[in-house]
Amino acid sequence: MTEVEVHLGRRIAEFRELRGLTLRGLAANAGVSSSFLSQLENSRASASISSMRKISEALGVSVADLLGSHNGHARGVVRAQDRPEYPSGAGSTKFVIAQPPMRNLEIYKGVFEPGGSTGDDLYSHGKSQEIFIVLHGTVELSLGTEVIRMNADDSIEYLSSVPHRVINVGDGQAEVMWVTSPPTA
């Protein structure tokens, strides 16, 4: 096996474990056999481009992420103007803060115009620990049936499986940050 193939197997195993997936679960999601996936993770098989694409999609990462490396301590600077942007709901935008995929964290920044929210409905994702921090402004966090008013520098921790929603209830723009571990994307 080449160094790249050994590295690929390790990366697939890392991403699978971070997402709490079993070999069988990932194999089923990717449309490959669990025996092939096991051999791939243990550097006893090679993956085609098609197989890598299926596996990366099932893990929610790109093929480049599977082939990427963590050489050194720094993963790279993400400039504010270069951050991937995800529309989040009416009057709000979500930005990726850390260059994905980090091993154990997802970090997003949200910017909400007055009245902007993550959407009309509460949402949940995965079974991860999530820390929500208000950087600027005043928001209401709906967490299950509870509504919590939060101001700049307030933070709260909850499980991402609990339905939640954010709305800017202030007069100016609000900025927030989500830190989720392990990643749910």
C-alpha atoms as a PDB file:
ATOM      1  CA  MET A   1       0.000   0.000   0.000  1.00  0.00           C
ATOM      2  CA  THR A   2       1.146   3.515  -0.724  1.00  0.00           C
ATOM      3  CA  GLU A   3       1.419   6.214   1.926  1.00  0.00           C
ATOM      4  CA  VAL A   4      -1.616   7.952   0.406  1.00  0.00           C
ATOM      5  CA  GLU A   5      -3.719   4.769   0.675  1.00  0.00           C
ATOM      6  CA  VAL A   6      -2.686   4.246   4.308  1.00  0.00           C
ATOM      7  CA  HIS A   7      -3.506   7.886   5.065  1.00  0.00           C
ATOM      8  CA  LEU A   8      -6.879   7.604   3.296  1.00  0.00           C
ATOM      9  CA  GLY A   9      -7.870   4.615   5.413  1.00  0.00           C
ATOM     10  CA  ARG A  10      -6.938   6.433   8.624  1.00  0.00           C
ATOM     11  CA  ARG A  11      -8.871   9.561   7.610  1.00  0.00           C
ATOM     12  CA  ILE A  12     -12.010   7.572   6.777  1.00  0.00           C
ATOM     13  CA  ALA A  13     -11.830   5.837  10.161  1.00  0.00           C
ATOM     14  CA  GLU A  14     -11.301   9.189  11.940  1.00  0.00           C
ATOM     15  CA  PHE A  15     -14.301  10.811  10.262  1.00  0.00           C
ATOM     16  CA  ARG A  16     -16.479   7.741  10.803  1.00  0.00           C
ATOM     17  CA  GLU A  17     -15.643   7.582  14.507  1.00  0.00           C
ATOM     18  CA  LEU A  18     -16.150  11.334  14.994  1.00  0.00           C
ATOM     19  CA  ARG A  19     -19.630  10.984  13.581  1.00  0.00           C
ATOM     20  CA  GLY A  20     -20.417   7.986  15.756  1.00  0.00           C
ATOM     21  CA  LEU A  21     -20.930   5.703  12.769  1.00  0.00           C
ATOM     22  CA  THR A  22     -20.277   1.982  12.724  1.00  0.00           C
ATOM     23  CA  LEU A  23     -18.558   0.326   9.781  1.00  0.00           C
ATOM     24  CA  ARG A  24     -21.885  -1.166   8.741  1.00  0.00           C
ATOM     25  CA  GLY A  25     -23.684   2.160   9.122  1.00  0.00           C
ATOM     26  CA  LEU A  26     -21.197   4.064   6.984  1.00  0.00           C
ATOM     27  CA  ALA A  27     -21.048   1.253   4.435  1.00  0.00           C
ATOM     28  CA  ALA A  28     -24.843   1.246   4.099  1.00  0.00           C
ATOM     29  CA  ASN A  29     -24.953   5.051   3.752  1.00  0.00           C
ATOM     30  CA  ALA A  30     -22.182   4.993   1.146  1.00  0.00           C
ATOM     31  CA  GLY A  31     -23.483   2.006  -0.806  1.00  0.00           C
ATOM     32  CA  VAL A  32     -20.327  -0.061  -0.313  1.00  0.00           C
ATOM     33  CA  SER A  33     -19.805  -3.317   1.553  1.00  0.00           C
ATOM     34  CA  SER A  34     -18.708  -3.219   5.183  1.00  0.00           C
ATOM     35  CA  SER A  35     -15.931  -5.718   4.413  1.00  0.00           C
ATOM     36  CA  PHE A  36     -14.549  -3.389   1.706  1.00  0.00           C
ATOM     37  CA  LEU A  37     -14.741  -0.426   4.074  1.00  0.00           C
ATOM     38  CA  SER A  38     -12.928  -2.383   6.802  1.00  0.00           C
ATOM     39  CA  GLN A  39     -10.197  -3.384   4.365  1.00  0.00           C
ATOM     40  CA  LEU A  40      -9.919   0.216   3.182  1.00  0.00           C
ATOM     41  CA  GLU A  41      -9.591   1.566   6.746  1.00  0.00           C
ATOM     42  CA  ASN A  42      -6.954  -1.059   7.507  1.00  0.00           C
ATOM     43  CA  SER A  43      -4.937  -0.407   4.321  1.00  0.00           C
ATOM     44  CA  ARG A  44      -5.760  -3.757   2.750  1.00  0.00           C
ATOM     45  CA  ALA A  45      -7.739  -2.370  -0.197  1.00  0.00           C
ATOM     46  CA  SER A  46      -7.593   0.570  -2.580  1.00  0.00           C
ATOM     47  CA  ALA A  47     -10.501   2.899  -3.304  1.00  0.00           C
ATOM     48  CA  SER A  48     -11.646   4.055  -6.700  1.00  0.00           C
ATOM     49  CA  ILE A  49     -12.620   7.686  -7.249  1.00  0.00           C
ATOM     50  CA  SER A  50     -16.244   6.533  -7.285  1.00  0.00           C
ATOM     51  CA  SER A  51     -15.854   4.758  -3.920  1.00  0.00           C
ATOM     52  CA  MET A  52     -14.081   7.750  -2.378  1.00  0.00           C
ATOM     53  CA  ARG A  53     -16.862  10.050  -3.588  1.00  0.00           C
ATOM     54  CA  LYS A  54     -19.590   7.804  -2.127  1.00  0.00           C
ATOM     55  CA  ILE A  55     -17.768   7.520   1.209  1.00  0.00           C
ATOM     56  CA  SER A  56     -16.998  11.245   1.406  1.00  0.00           C
ATOM     57  CA  GLU A  57     -20.645  12.118   0.698  1.00  0.00           C
ATOM     58  CA  ALA A  58     -21.819   9.687   3.385  1.00  0.00           C
ATOM     59  CA  LEU A  59     -19.398  11.339   5.838  1.00  0.00           C
ATOM     60  CA  GLY A  60     -20.391  14.861   4.805  1.00  0.00           C
ATOM     61  CA  VAL A  61     -16.885  15.816   3.697  1.00  0.00           C
ATOM     62  CA  SER A  62     -15.160  16.283   0.354  1.00  0.00           C
ATOM     63  CA  VAL A  63     -12.792  13.821  -1.295  1.00  0.00           C
ATOM     64  CA  ALA A  64     -10.084  16.434  -0.746  1.00  0.00           C
ATOM     65  CA  ASP A  65     -10.842  16.309   2.997  1.00  0.00           C
ATOM     66  CA  LEU A  66     -10.299  12.546   2.961  1.00  0.00           C
ATOM     67  CA  LEU A  67      -6.996  13.000   1.196  1.00  0.00           C
ATOM     68  CA  GLY A  68      -5.956  16.080   3.211  1.00  0.00           C
ATOM     69  CA  SER A  69      -3.544  16.019   6.084  1.00  0.00           C
ATOM     70  CA  HIS A  70      -2.992  17.523   9.499  1.00  0.00           C
ATOM     71  CA  ASN A  71       0.741  18.076   9.101  1.00  0.00           C
ATOM     72  CA  GLY A  72       1.937  20.565  11.672  1.00  0.00           C
ATOM     73  CA  HIS A  73      -0.115  22.250  14.351  1.00  0.00           C
ATOM     74  CA  ALA A  74      -1.857  24.937  12.292  1.00  0.00           C
ATOM     75  CA  ARG A  75      -4.544  23.985   9.807  1.00  0.00           C
ATOM     76  CA  GLY A  76      -4.455  27.285   7.919  1.00  0.00           C
ATOM     77  CA  VAL A  77      -5.835  30.739   8.312  1.00  0.00           C
ATOM     78  CA  VAL A  78      -9.431  31.296   7.191  1.00  0.00           C
ATOM     79  CA  ARG A  79      -9.774  34.928   6.177  1.00  0.00           C
ATOM     80  CA  ALA A  80     -13.092  36.595   6.998  1.00  0.00           C
ATOM     81  CA  GLN A  81     -13.780  37.385   3.347  1.00  0.00           C
ATOM     82  CA  ASP A  82     -13.052  33.765   2.336  1.00  0.00           C
ATOM     83  CA  ARG A  83     -15.307  31.998   4.847  1.00  0.00           C
ATOM     84  CA  PRO A  84     -17.903  29.705   3.317  1.00  0.00           C
ATOM     85  CA  GLU A  85     -21.344  31.262   3.806  1.00  0.00           C
ATOM     86  CA  TYR A  86     -24.562  29.344   4.423  1.00  0.00           C
ATOM     87  CA  PRO A  87     -27.961  31.064   4.347  1.00  0.00           C
ATOM     88  CA  SER A  88     -29.548  30.178   7.661  1.00  0.00           C
ATOM     89  CA  GLY A  89     -33.006  31.731   7.670  1.00  0.00           C
ATOM     90  CA  ALA A  90     -34.756  35.017   7.073  1.00  0.00           C
ATOM     91  CA  GLY A  91     -32.329  37.853   7.816  1.00  0.00           C
ATOM     92  CA  SER A  92     -29.453  35.649   8.916  1.00  0.00           C
ATOM     93  CA  THR A  93     -26.302  34.064   7.543  1.00  0.00           C
ATOM     94  CA  LYS A  94     -24.030  31.358   8.952  1.00  0.00           C
ATOM     95  CA  PHE A  95     -20.270  31.319   8.309  1.00  0.00           C
ATOM     96  CA  VAL A  96     -17.787  28.485   8.802  1.00  0.00           C
ATOM     97  CA  ILE A  97     -15.125  29.749  11.231  1.00  0.00           C
ATOM     98  CA  ALA A  98     -12.592  26.918  11.265  1.00  0.00           C
ATOM     99  CA  GLN A  99     -11.253  25.326   8.117  1.00  0.00           C
ATOM    100  CA  PRO A 100     -13.308  22.151   7.981  1.00  0.00           C
ATOM    101  CA  PRO A 101     -13.179  19.461   8.843  1.00  0.00           C
ATOM    102  CA  MET A 102     -11.606  19.773  12.251  1.00  0.00           C
ATOM    103  CA  ARG A 103     -11.232  16.533  14.131  1.00  0.00           C
ATOM    104  CA  ASN A 104     -13.624  17.178  16.992  1.00  0.00           C
ATOM    105  CA  LEU A 105     -15.301  20.539  16.405  1.00  0.00           C
ATOM    106  CA  GLU A 106     -17.565  22.473  14.104  1.00  0.00           C
ATOM    107  CA  ILE A 107     -17.447  26.222  14.610  1.00  0.00           C
ATOM    108  CA  TYR A 108     -19.904  28.607  12.975  1.00  0.00           C
ATOM    109  CA  LYS A 109     -20.570  32.317  13.301  1.00  0.00           C
ATOM    110  CA  GLY A 110     -24.082  33.633  12.708  1.00  0.00           C
ATOM    111  CA  VAL A 111     -25.009  37.200  11.761  1.00  0.00           C
ATOM    112  CA  PHE A 112     -28.625  38.222  12.274  1.00  0.00           C
ATOM    113  CA  GLU A 113     -30.326  41.422  11.155  1.00  0.00           C
ATOM    114  CA  PRO A 114     -33.040  42.751  13.515  1.00  0.00           C
ATOM    115  CA  GLY A 115     -35.852  40.172  13.462  1.00  0.00           C
ATOM    116  CA  GLY A 116     -33.626  37.679  11.602  1.00  0.00           C
ATOM    117  CA  SER A 117     -33.704  34.069  12.718  1.00  0.00           C
ATOM    118  CA  THR A 118     -32.505  30.569  11.948  1.00  0.00           C
ATOM    119  CA  GLY A 119     -35.950  29.915  10.480  1.00  0.00           C
ATOM    120  CA  ASP A 120     -39.589  29.651  11.463  1.00  0.00           C
ATOM    121  CA  ASP A 121     -39.242  26.202  13.015  1.00  0.00           C
ATOM    122  CA  LEU A 122     -37.012  24.770  15.707  1.00  0.00           C
ATOM    123  CA  TYR A 123     -34.393  22.369  14.343  1.00  0.00           C
ATOM    124  CA  SER A 124     -32.059  19.719  15.718  1.00  0.00           C
ATOM    125  CA  HIS A 125     -29.020  17.920  14.327  1.00  0.00           C
ATOM    126  CA  GLY A 126     -27.113  14.918  15.585  1.00  0.00           C
ATOM    127  CA  LYS A 127     -26.437  14.027  19.210  1.00  0.00           C
ATOM    128  CA  SER A 128     -23.588  16.405  19.937  1.00  0.00           C
ATOM    129  CA  GLN A 129     -22.664  18.888  22.601  1.00  0.00           C
ATOM    130  CA  GLU A 130     -23.272  22.443  21.411  1.00  0.00           C
ATOM    131  CA  ILE A 131     -22.092  25.683  22.969  1.00  0.00           C
ATOM    132  CA  PHE A 132     -23.895  28.832  21.843  1.00  0.00           C
ATOM    133  CA  ILE A 133     -22.255  32.217  22.496  1.00  0.00           C
ATOM    134  CA  VAL A 134     -23.680  35.682  21.856  1.00  0.00           C
ATOM    135  CA  LEU A 135     -20.872  37.879  20.578  1.00  0.00           C
ATOM    136  CA  HIS A 136     -22.889  41.050  19.980  1.00  0.00           C
ATOM    137  CA  GLY A 137     -26.523  42.086  20.349  1.00  0.00           C
ATOM    138  CA  THR A 138     -29.560  40.480  21.959  1.00  0.00           C
ATOM    139  CA  VAL A 139     -31.162  37.222  20.854  1.00  0.00           C
ATOM    140  CA  GLU A 140     -33.723  34.758  22.064  1.00  0.00           C
ATOM    141  CA  LEU A 141     -32.743  31.111  21.997  1.00  0.00           C
ATOM    142  CA  SER A 142     -35.690  28.734  21.911  1.00  0.00           C
ATOM    143  CA  LEU A 143     -34.479  25.487  23.412  1.00  0.00           C
ATOM    144  CA  GLY A 144     -37.206  22.875  23.470  1.00  0.00           C
ATOM    145  CA  THR A 145     -40.165  24.632  25.117  1.00  0.00           C
ATOM    146  CA  GLU A 146     -37.963  27.164  26.921  1.00  0.00           C
ATOM    147  CA  VAL A 147     -37.186  30.654  25.550  1.00  0.00           C
ATOM    148  CA  ILE A 148     -33.989  32.242  26.868  1.00  0.00           C
ATOM    149  CA  ARG A 149     -33.078  35.899  26.287  1.00  0.00           C
ATOM    150  CA  MET A 150     -29.329  36.288  25.853  1.00  0.00           C
ATOM    151  CA  ASN A 151     -27.039  39.312  25.539  1.00  0.00           C
ATOM    152  CA  ALA A 152     -23.436  39.862  24.415  1.00  0.00           C
ATOM    153  CA  ASP A 153     -20.980  37.529  26.195  1.00  0.00           C
ATOM    154  CA  ASP A 154     -23.753  35.180  27.405  1.00  0.00           C
ATOM    155  CA  SER A 155     -23.323  31.507  26.591  1.00  0.00           C
ATOM    156  CA  ILE A 156     -25.195  28.258  27.060  1.00  0.00           C
ATOM    157  CA  GLU A 157     -24.484  24.579  26.506  1.00  0.00           C
ATOM    158  CA  TYR A 158     -27.065  22.053  25.268  1.00  0.00           C
ATOM    159  CA  LEU A 159     -27.405  18.900  23.203  1.00  0.00           C
ATOM    160  CA  SER A 160     -27.822  19.495  19.473  1.00  0.00           C
ATOM    161  CA  SER A 161     -30.591  16.877  19.477  1.00  0.00           C
ATOM    162  CA  VAL A 162     -32.803  19.303  21.468  1.00  0.00           C
ATOM    163  CA  PRO A 163     -34.867  21.364  19.002  1.00  0.00           C
ATOM    164  CA  HIS A 164     -33.626  24.959  18.964  1.00  0.00           C
ATOM    165  CA  ARG A 165     -34.004  28.277  17.155  1.00  0.00           C
ATOM    166  CA  VAL A 166     -32.357  31.702  17.355  1.00  0.00           C
ATOM    167  CA  ILE A 167     -34.005  35.068  16.669  1.00  0.00           C
ATOM    168  CA  ASN A 168     -32.502  38.556  16.938  1.00  0.00           C
ATOM    169  CA  VAL A 169     -34.827  40.503  19.247  1.00  0.00           C
ATOM    170  CA  GLY A 170     -32.561  43.570  19.440  1.00  0.00           C
ATOM    171  CA  ASP A 171     -32.623  46.805  17.464  1.00  0.00           C
ATOM    172  CA  GLY A 172     -29.228  46.223  15.816  1.00  0.00           C
ATOM    173  CA  GLN A 173     -27.323  43.401  14.199  1.00  0.00           C
ATOM    174  CA  ALA A 174     -26.555  40.383  16.413  1.00  0.00           C
ATOM    175  CA  GLU A 175     -23.564  38.061  16.069  1.00  0.00           C
ATOM    176  CA  VAL A 176     -23.412  34.597  17.616  1.00  0.00           C
ATOM    177  CA  MET A 177     -21.166  31.555  17.541  1.00  0.00           C
ATOM    178  CA  TRP A 178     -21.920  27.840  17.681  1.00  0.00           C
ATOM    179  CA  VAL A 179     -19.278  25.312  18.748  1.00  0.00           C
ATOM    180  CA  THR A 180     -20.382  21.705  18.211  1.00  0.00           C
ATOM    181  CA  SER A 181     -18.551  18.558  19.226  1.00  0.00           C
ATOM    182  CA  PRO A 182     -18.390  16.107  17.615  1.00  0.00           C
ATOM    183  CA  PRO A 183     -19.248  17.611  14.222  1.00  0.00           C
ATOM    184  CA  THR A 184     -22.748  16.948  12.928  1.00  0.00           C
ATOM    185  CA  ALA A 185     -22.266  18.213   9.372  1.00  0.00           C
END
